[in-house]
Amino acid sequence: MKSSMVAGIIMIVLGGIALGYNYTYTTRETVLQVGPLKAVAEEAHTVAVPAILGWVLVVGGVCVVAFGALSKKS
């Protein structure tokens, strides 16, 4: 298998993952502290990978695979 075909397949897989991937993390913030008592607020944040990045990887990977399959064997 040509290296361009492998690179195209990897791009397609990474693009598919990017389309469905959201990273979530939680932050804690102390909002009130009186002596030993403490009030803490937790807030969840979600970071999404831009969909255009996933589509560019998928379409680019398909093009690389197609051109790799159609090119002359060397």
PDB file of N, CA and C in Angstrom:
ATOM      1  N   MET A   1       0.851  -1.171   0.000  1.00  0.00           N
ATOM      2  CA  MET A   1       0.000   0.000   0.000  1.00  0.00           C
ATOM      3  C   MET A   1       0.898   1.236   0.000  1.00  0.00           C
ATOM      4  N   LYS A   2       0.547   2.207  -0.803  1.00  0.00           N
ATOM      5  CA  LYS A   2       1.332   3.427  -0.915  1.00  0.00           C
ATOM      6  C   LYS A   2       1.217   4.267   0.350  1.00  0.00           C
ATOM      7  N   SER A   3       2.265   5.034   0.595  1.00  0.00           N
ATOM      8  CA  SER A   3       2.251   5.887   1.781  1.00  0.00           C
ATOM      9  C   SER A   3       1.187   6.974   1.667  1.00  0.00           C
ATOM     10  N   SER A   4       0.879   7.423   0.442  1.00  0.00           N
ATOM     11  CA  SER A   4      -0.167   8.435   0.294  1.00  0.00           C
ATOM     12  C   SER A   4      -1.540   7.854   0.646  1.00  0.00           C
ATOM     13  N   MET A   5      -1.753   6.596   0.335  1.00  0.00           N
ATOM     14  CA  MET A   5      -3.027   5.952   0.693  1.00  0.00           C
ATOM     15  C   MET A   5      -3.162   5.854   2.215  1.00  0.00           C
ATOM     16  N   VAL A   6      -2.078   5.483   2.871  1.00  0.00           N
ATOM     17  CA  VAL A   6      -2.098   5.374   4.333  1.00  0.00           C
ATOM     18  C   VAL A   6      -2.353   6.748   4.954  1.00  0.00           C
ATOM     19  N   ALA A   7      -1.680   7.783   4.422  1.00  0.00           N
ATOM     20  CA  ALA A   7      -1.872   9.142   4.939  1.00  0.00           C
ATOM     21  C   ALA A   7      -3.317   9.587   4.734  1.00  0.00           C
ATOM     22  N   GLY A   8      -3.909   9.270   3.595  1.00  0.00           N
ATOM     23  CA  GLY A   8      -5.298   9.629   3.337  1.00  0.00           C
ATOM     24  C   GLY A   8      -6.263   8.942   4.279  1.00  0.00           C
ATOM     25  N   ILE A   9      -6.028   7.672   4.540  1.00  0.00           N
ATOM     26  CA  ILE A   9      -6.891   6.924   5.461  1.00  0.00           C
ATOM     27  C   ILE A   9      -6.778   7.491   6.872  1.00  0.00           C
ATOM     28  N   ILE A  10      -5.569   7.847   7.271  1.00  0.00           N
ATOM     29  CA  ILE A  10      -5.373   8.452   8.599  1.00  0.00           C
ATOM     30  C   ILE A  10      -6.100   9.788   8.682  1.00  0.00           C
ATOM     31  N   MET A  11      -6.043  10.574   7.608  1.00  0.00           N
ATOM     32  CA  MET A  11      -6.753  11.860   7.594  1.00  0.00           C
ATOM     33  C   MET A  11      -8.262  11.660   7.714  1.00  0.00           C
ATOM     34  N   ILE A  12      -8.799  10.664   7.032  1.00  0.00           N
ATOM     35  CA  ILE A  12     -10.236  10.386   7.105  1.00  0.00           C
ATOM     36  C   ILE A  12     -10.639   9.991   8.518  1.00  0.00           C
ATOM     37  N   VAL A  13      -9.854   9.122   9.135  1.00  0.00           N
ATOM     38  CA  VAL A  13     -10.163   8.679  10.502  1.00  0.00           C
ATOM     39  C   VAL A  13     -10.082   9.852  11.481  1.00  0.00           C
ATOM     40  N   LEU A  14      -9.025  10.676  11.380  1.00  0.00           N
ATOM     41  CA  LEU A  14      -8.890  11.823  12.277  1.00  0.00           C
ATOM     42  C   LEU A  14     -10.011  12.837  12.056  1.00  0.00           C
ATOM     43  N   GLY A  15     -10.420  13.015  10.814  1.00  0.00           N
ATOM     44  CA  GLY A  15     -11.537  13.915  10.534  1.00  0.00           C
ATOM     45  C   GLY A  15     -12.840  13.425  11.134  1.00  0.00           C
ATOM     46  N   GLY A  16     -13.079  12.126  11.049  1.00  0.00           N
ATOM     47  CA  GLY A  16     -14.278  11.558  11.660  1.00  0.00           C
ATOM     48  C   GLY A  16     -14.279  11.701  13.166  1.00  0.00           C
ATOM     49  N   ILE A  17     -13.124  11.517  13.763  1.00  0.00           N
ATOM     50  CA  ILE A  17     -13.016  11.688  15.214  1.00  0.00           C
ATOM     51  C   ILE A  17     -13.252  13.151  15.584  1.00  0.00           C
ATOM     52  N   ALA A  18     -12.682  14.065  14.805  1.00  0.00           N
ATOM     53  CA  ALA A  18     -12.832  15.496  15.101  1.00  0.00           C
ATOM     54  C   ALA A  18     -14.286  15.946  14.990  1.00  0.00           C
ATOM     55  N   LEU A  19     -15.045  15.328  14.105  1.00  0.00           N
ATOM     56  CA  LEU A  19     -16.451  15.719  13.947  1.00  0.00           C
ATOM     57  C   LEU A  19     -17.298  15.338  15.162  1.00  0.00           C
ATOM     58  N   GLY A  20     -16.921  14.303  15.877  1.00  0.00           N
ATOM     59  CA  GLY A  20     -17.743  13.855  16.994  1.00  0.00           C
ATOM     60  C   GLY A  20     -17.120  14.062  18.356  1.00  0.00           C
ATOM     61  N   TYR A  21     -16.019  14.808  18.429  1.00  0.00           N
ATOM     62  CA  TYR A  21     -15.285  14.918  19.685  1.00  0.00           C
ATOM     63  C   TYR A  21     -15.563  16.239  20.383  1.00  0.00           C
ATOM     64  N   ASN A  22     -15.917  16.190  21.648  1.00  0.00           N
ATOM     65  CA  ASN A  22     -16.055  17.357  22.516  1.00  0.00           C
ATOM     66  C   ASN A  22     -15.259  17.098  23.781  1.00  0.00           C
ATOM     67  N   TYR A  23     -14.450  18.062  24.174  1.00  0.00           N
ATOM     68  CA  TYR A  23     -13.644  17.940  25.383  1.00  0.00           C
ATOM     69  C   TYR A  23     -14.328  18.721  26.494  1.00  0.00           C
ATOM     70  N   THR A  24     -14.571  18.083  27.628  1.00  0.00           N
ATOM     71  CA  THR A  24     -15.234  18.726  28.756  1.00  0.00           C
ATOM     72  C   THR A  24     -14.304  18.726  29.965  1.00  0.00           C
ATOM     73  N   TYR A  25     -14.224  19.883  30.621  1.00  0.00           N
ATOM     74  CA  TYR A  25     -13.447  19.963  31.853  1.00  0.00           C
ATOM     75  C   TYR A  25     -14.215  20.782  32.872  1.00  0.00           C
ATOM     76  N   THR A  26     -13.882  20.604  34.148  1.00  0.00           N
ATOM     77  CA  THR A  26     -14.586  21.265  35.240  1.00  0.00           C
ATOM     78  C   THR A  26     -13.621  22.147  36.012  1.00  0.00           C
ATOM     79  N   THR A  27     -14.076  23.362  36.325  1.00  0.00           N
ATOM     80  CA  THR A  27     -13.267  24.255  37.156  1.00  0.00           C
ATOM     81  C   THR A  27     -13.968  24.445  38.494  1.00  0.00           C
ATOM     82  N   ARG A  28     -13.171  24.645  39.519  1.00  0.00           N
ATOM     83  CA  ARG A  28     -13.689  24.894  40.864  1.00  0.00           C
ATOM     84  C   ARG A  28     -13.244  26.287  41.291  1.00  0.00           C
ATOM     85  N   GLU A  29     -14.178  27.012  41.896  1.00  0.00           N
ATOM     86  CA  GLU A  29     -13.875  28.355  42.357  1.00  0.00           C
ATOM     87  C   GLU A  29     -14.476  28.542  43.739  1.00  0.00           C
ATOM     88  N   THR A  30     -13.664  29.039  44.651  1.00  0.00           N
ATOM     89  CA  THR A  30     -14.159  29.330  45.990  1.00  0.00           C
ATOM     90  C   THR A  30     -14.909  30.655  45.940  1.00  0.00           C
ATOM     91  N   VAL A  31     -16.202  30.609  46.263  1.00  0.00           N
ATOM     92  CA  VAL A  31     -17.012  31.819  46.209  1.00  0.00           C
ATOM     93  C   VAL A  31     -17.199  32.464  47.580  1.00  0.00           C
ATOM     94  N   LEU A  32     -17.029  31.688  48.634  1.00  0.00           N
ATOM     95  CA  LEU A  32     -17.194  32.233  49.980  1.00  0.00           C
ATOM     96  C   LEU A  32     -16.374  31.394  50.947  1.00  0.00           C
ATOM     97  N   GLN A  33     -15.624  32.083  51.798  1.00  0.00           N
ATOM     98  CA  GLN A  33     -14.871  31.374  52.827  1.00  0.00           C
ATOM     99  C   GLN A  33     -14.983  32.167  54.124  1.00  0.00           C
ATOM    100  N   VAL A  34     -15.585  31.517  55.117  1.00  0.00           N
ATOM    101  CA  VAL A  34     -15.734  32.116  56.438  1.00  0.00           C
ATOM    102  C   VAL A  34     -15.130  31.142  57.428  1.00  0.00           C
ATOM    103  N   GLY A  35     -13.961  31.480  57.939  1.00  0.00           N
ATOM    104  CA  GLY A  35     -13.271  30.580  58.854  1.00  0.00           C
ATOM    105  C   GLY A  35     -12.991  29.254  58.166  1.00  0.00           C
ATOM    106  N   PRO A  36     -13.348  28.129  58.824  1.00  0.00           N
ATOM    107  CA  PRO A  36     -13.092  26.825  58.208  1.00  0.00           C
ATOM    108  C   PRO A  36     -14.155  26.414  57.178  1.00  0.00           C
ATOM    109  N   LEU A  37     -15.248  27.173  57.077  1.00  0.00           N
ATOM    110  CA  LEU A  37     -16.302  26.848  56.122  1.00  0.00           C
ATOM    111  C   LEU A  37     -15.985  27.466  54.763  1.00  0.00           C
ATOM    112  N   LYS A  38     -16.255  26.681  53.736  1.00  0.00           N
ATOM    113  CA  LYS A  38     -15.925  27.131  52.392  1.00  0.00           C
ATOM    114  C   LYS A  38     -17.046  26.751  51.443  1.00  0.00           C
ATOM    115  N   ALA A  39     -17.453  27.685  50.585  1.00  0.00           N
ATOM    116  CA  ALA A  39     -18.440  27.403  49.544  1.00  0.00           C
ATOM    117  C   ALA A  39     -17.707  27.393  48.204  1.00  0.00           C
ATOM    118  N   VAL A  40     -17.860  26.278  47.494  1.00  0.00           N
ATOM    119  CA  VAL A  40     -17.151  26.102  46.232  1.00  0.00           C
ATOM    120  C   VAL A  40     -18.169  25.931  45.110  1.00  0.00           C
ATOM    121  N   ALA A  41     -17.938  26.628  44.010  1.00  0.00           N
ATOM    122  CA  ALA A  41     -18.790  26.502  42.827  1.00  0.00           C
ATOM    123  C   ALA A  41     -18.027  25.722  41.762  1.00  0.00           C
ATOM    124  N   GLU A  42     -18.683  24.730  41.187  1.00  0.00           N
ATOM    125  CA  GLU A  42     -18.097  23.969  40.090  1.00  0.00           C
ATOM    126  C   GLU A  42     -18.802  24.353  38.797  1.00  0.00           C
ATOM    127  N   GLU A  43     -18.008  24.558  37.761  1.00  0.00           N
ATOM    128  CA  GLU A  43     -18.582  24.924  36.471  1.00  0.00           C
ATOM    129  C   GLU A  43     -17.967  24.045  35.394  1.00  0.00           C
ATOM    130  N   ALA A  44     -18.832  23.427  34.593  1.00  0.00           N
ATOM    131  CA  ALA A  44     -18.373  22.554  33.511  1.00  0.00           C
ATOM    132  C   ALA A  44     -18.223  23.383  32.233  1.00  0.00           C
ATOM    133  N   HIS A  45     -17.125  23.170  31.543  1.00  0.00           N
ATOM    134  CA  HIS A  45     -16.846  23.856  30.280  1.00  0.00           C
ATOM    135  C   HIS A  45     -16.681  22.803  29.195  1.00  0.00           C
ATOM    136  N   THR A  46     -17.233  23.070  28.026  1.00  0.00           N
ATOM    137  CA  THR A  46     -17.107  22.158  26.893  1.00  0.00           C
ATOM    138  C   THR A  46     -16.388  22.879  25.763  1.00  0.00           C
ATOM    139  N   VAL A  47     -15.354  22.234  25.246  1.00  0.00           N
ATOM    140  CA  VAL A  47     -14.605  22.774  24.117  1.00  0.00           C
ATOM    141  C   VAL A  47     -14.830  21.834  22.939  1.00  0.00           C
ATOM    142  N   ALA A  48     -15.392  22.356  21.881  1.00  0.00           N
ATOM    143  CA  ALA A  48     -15.661  21.548  20.699  1.00  0.00           C
ATOM    144  C   ALA A  48     -14.636  21.860  19.615  1.00  0.00           C
ATOM    145  N   VAL A  49     -14.178  20.824  18.942  1.00  0.00           N
ATOM    146  CA  VAL A  49     -13.296  21.009  17.794  1.00  0.00           C
ATOM    147  C   VAL A  49     -14.167  21.570  16.664  1.00  0.00           C
ATOM    148  N   PRO A  50     -13.712  22.628  15.990  1.00  0.00           N
ATOM    149  CA  PRO A  50     -14.530  23.198  14.911  1.00  0.00           C
ATOM    150  C   PRO A  50     -14.870  22.155  13.839  1.00  0.00           C
ATOM    151  N   ALA A  51     -16.132  22.140  13.431  1.00  0.00           N
ATOM    152  CA  ALA A  51     -16.591  21.152  12.457  1.00  0.00           C
ATOM    153  C   ALA A  51     -15.881  21.310  11.120  1.00  0.00           C
ATOM    154  N   ILE A  52     -15.521  22.537  10.760  1.00  0.00           N
ATOM    155  CA  ILE A  52     -14.856  22.747   9.476  1.00  0.00           C
ATOM    156  C   ILE A  52     -13.519  22.014   9.437  1.00  0.00           C
ATOM    157  N   LEU A  53     -12.834  21.922  10.575  1.00  0.00           N
ATOM    158  CA  LEU A  53     -11.571  21.186  10.627  1.00  0.00           C
ATOM    159  C   LEU A  53     -11.796  19.710  10.333  1.00  0.00           C
ATOM    160  N   GLY A  54     -12.838  19.133  10.910  1.00  0.00           N
ATOM    161  CA  GLY A  54     -13.144  17.728  10.652  1.00  0.00           C
ATOM    162  C   GLY A  54     -13.494  17.481   9.198  1.00  0.00           C
ATOM    163  N   TRP A  55     -14.314  18.367   8.619  1.00  0.00           N
ATOM    164  CA  TRP A  55     -14.701  18.187   7.215  1.00  0.00           C
ATOM    165  C   TRP A  55     -13.518  18.380   6.276  1.00  0.00           C
ATOM    166  N   VAL A  56     -12.635  19.313   6.591  1.00  0.00           N
ATOM    167  CA  VAL A  56     -11.445  19.504   5.750  1.00  0.00           C
ATOM    168  C   VAL A  56     -10.570  18.257   5.776  1.00  0.00           C
ATOM    169  N   LEU A  57     -10.419  17.654   6.941  1.00  0.00           N
ATOM    170  CA  LEU A  57      -9.620  16.422   7.036  1.00  0.00           C
ATOM    171  C   LEU A  57     -10.272  15.277   6.270  1.00  0.00           C
ATOM    172  N   VAL A  58     -11.582  15.127   6.378  1.00  0.00           N
ATOM    173  CA  VAL A  58     -12.278  14.031   5.690  1.00  0.00           C
ATOM    174  C   VAL A  58     -12.181  14.213   4.177  1.00  0.00           C
ATOM    175  N   VAL A  59     -12.514  15.403   3.690  1.00  0.00           N
ATOM    176  CA  VAL A  59     -12.480  15.647   2.244  1.00  0.00           C
ATOM    177  C   VAL A  59     -11.051  15.563   1.714  1.00  0.00           C
ATOM    178  N   GLY A  60     -10.105  16.122   2.452  1.00  0.00           N
ATOM    179  CA  GLY A  60      -8.702  16.028   2.044  1.00  0.00           C
ATOM    180  C   GLY A  60      -8.223  14.585   2.009  1.00  0.00           C
ATOM    181  N   GLY A  61      -8.620  13.802   2.998  1.00  0.00           N
ATOM    182  CA  GLY A  61      -8.234  12.391   3.026  1.00  0.00           C
ATOM    183  C   GLY A  61      -8.820  11.608   1.867  1.00  0.00           C
ATOM    184  N   VAL A  62     -10.070  11.898   1.531  1.00  0.00           N
ATOM    185  CA  VAL A  62     -10.697  11.226   0.378  1.00  0.00           C
ATOM    186  C   VAL A  62      -9.959  11.593  -0.898  1.00  0.00           C
ATOM    187  N   CYS A  63      -9.595  12.855  -1.044  1.00  0.00           N
ATOM    188  CA  CYS A  63      -8.849  13.282  -2.236  1.00  0.00           C
ATOM    189  C   CYS A  63      -7.480  12.611  -2.308  1.00  0.00           C
ATOM    190  N   VAL A  64      -6.786  12.543  -1.203  1.00  0.00           N
ATOM    191  CA  VAL A  64      -5.463  11.908  -1.193  1.00  0.00           C
ATOM    192  C   VAL A  64      -5.585  10.427  -1.547  1.00  0.00           C
ATOM    193  N   VAL A  65      -6.574   9.735  -1.004  1.00  0.00           N
ATOM    194  CA  VAL A  65      -6.777   8.321  -1.327  1.00  0.00           C
ATOM    195  C   VAL A  65      -7.137   8.154  -2.797  1.00  0.00           C
ATOM    196  N   ALA A  66      -8.022   9.015  -3.299  1.00  0.00           N
ATOM    197  CA  ALA A  66      -8.440   8.909  -4.705  1.00  0.00           C
ATOM    198  C   ALA A  66      -7.266   9.169  -5.646  1.00  0.00           C
ATOM    199  N   PHE A  67      -6.514  10.219  -5.398  1.00  0.00           N
ATOM    200  CA  PHE A  67      -5.381  10.524  -6.263  1.00  0.00           C
ATOM    201  C   PHE A  67      -4.270   9.485  -6.121  1.00  0.00           C
ATOM    202  N   GLY A  68      -4.110   8.933  -4.929  1.00  0.00           N
ATOM    203  CA  GLY A  68      -3.124   7.867  -4.737  1.00  0.00           C
ATOM    204  C   GLY A  68      -3.503   6.598  -5.483  1.00  0.00           C
ATOM    205  N   ALA A  69      -4.799   6.307  -5.539  1.00  0.00           N
ATOM    206  CA  ALA A  69      -5.257   5.096  -6.247  1.00  0.00           C
ATOM    207  C   ALA A  69      -5.187   5.279  -7.757  1.00  0.00           C
ATOM    208  N   LEU A  70      -5.389   6.494  -8.221  1.00  0.00           N
ATOM    209  CA  LEU A  70      -5.401   6.749  -9.654  1.00  0.00           C
ATOM    210  C   LEU A  70      -4.024   7.029 -10.242  1.00  0.00           C
ATOM    211  N   SER A  71      -3.062   7.371  -9.395  1.00  0.00           N
ATOM    212  CA  SER A  71      -1.729   7.698  -9.908  1.00  0.00           C
ATOM    213  C   SER A  71      -1.021   6.441 -10.413  1.00  0.00           C
ATOM    214  N   LYS A  72      -0.075   6.666 -11.299  1.00  0.00           N
ATOM    215  CA  LYS A  72       0.688   5.533 -11.843  1.00  0.00           C
ATOM    216  C   LYS A  72       1.551   4.921 -10.767  1.00  0.00           C
ATOM    217  N   LYS A  73       1.695   3.643 -10.804  1.00  0.00           N
ATOM    218  CA  LYS A  73       2.533   2.936  -9.835  1.00  0.00           C
ATOM    219  C   LYS A  73       3.985   3.172 -10.188  1.00  0.00           C
ATOM    220  N   SER A  74       4.798   3.482  -9.155  1.00  0.00           N
ATOM    221  CA  SER A  74       6.213   3.687  -9.418  1.00  0.00           C
ATOM    222  C   SER A  74       7.070   2.663  -8.727  1.00  0.00           C
TER     223      SER A  74
END
